[in-house]
Amino acid sequence: MSVPRKVMIHEVGPREGFQFEQITLPTEIKAEFIEALARTGLKDIEVASFVRSDVVPQMADAESLVAKLTPYPNVTYTGTYLNVRGLERASRTGKLRLKHGLTISASETFSQRNQHASHQEAYDQLAKRADIFRDWGIGSVSLGVAAAFGCNFEGDIALSKVLDWIRRLEELAFAKDLEVDEIRLLDTMGWANPKSISESIEAIHGLWPGKPISLHLHDTRGLGMANAYAALLLGVSDFDTAVAGLGGCPFADHKGAAGNIATEDFVLLCQEMGIETEVDLDALIKCALMAEVLVGHPLPGKVKAGGNLNRYRQK
């Protein structure tokens, strides 16, 4: 594989970031921030999670937020859900591209902590979800493995275990007459390193040749951008990122651990490698600075302080 000519960035800051913060922002402020992101050239923005408001009060306004959003040409707003009820709520908005996937954690302990479900219970829930996808006429899904590189509760996760889960999810999808459009690896607790990233991608390329790979990378231990670089070298062109590094890792051992890789840092990396993102980096930096003001504390992204190198080249 060679370095991709262009990448697709899925901005998850407004959902994953604001969901993690201990403040609840007014709906109007969220909408203004999301629309500012939409004007940067980002094509895919995850805006809300349709979950129980008593569990995640920051997402209690999911429906009203989506209703307020102004459509922008070539910009897709997306939402997430954990169960059938959440899927139904998200569908009723009529304004979102819903992510249809079958994702399971490679760590059973994490599954129990995050979803209150054992591996078998989580798999059974996915089977029910697959039935709904089929009944709704949804023809394809992504296959995802969370905690795909390691877990704070179980330690290193063997690559063989991840590949076994991908096979099981693929069998489930095919049994429900669903095609598989991509394979997603989620470094949920920031255990990946460039070596494990490369080994995982090469293994998937070997077993599922031609199948697109998507990465959800956390920068919990400072290796997020190195991991993204390793993936780019192997042709991966689909990444989740969060503006300014919004969010965090609730399963890290210490408070303040970074969350997803910062969007503006990743855009700079791509810019310097000659990879097209179609994102206005200067406009994105302004959004990153705005995010820092909204949450009221420093965020881990670097480029919002260091600046766009192209601005210095133009002097």
Foldseek 3Di string as FASTA:
>chain_A
DAFDQAFAEAAECQEQQLQQFPDADDLVVLQVLVVLQVVQQHQHYEHAEQDDCVVRVSRPCVLVSQVPHDDDPNHAYAYYYDADVRVVVRVVSVRHDYAAAQEDELDQVVCCVPVVDGRVRSVVRSLVSLLVCLVVVNAAHEYEYACQAAAPVGGGRDLVSVVVSSVVRCVSNVVSNHHHQAYEYENQQARDALVVLLVNVVVCCVVPPPRAYEYFHFCQPPRQLVNVVSVSRVPHRHYYAYALQRHARPRDPDPPGTTTHHPLVNVLVCVVVNHDHSGNSVSSLVSSVVVCVSSVHHGNHDCNPVDRVVVVVVD
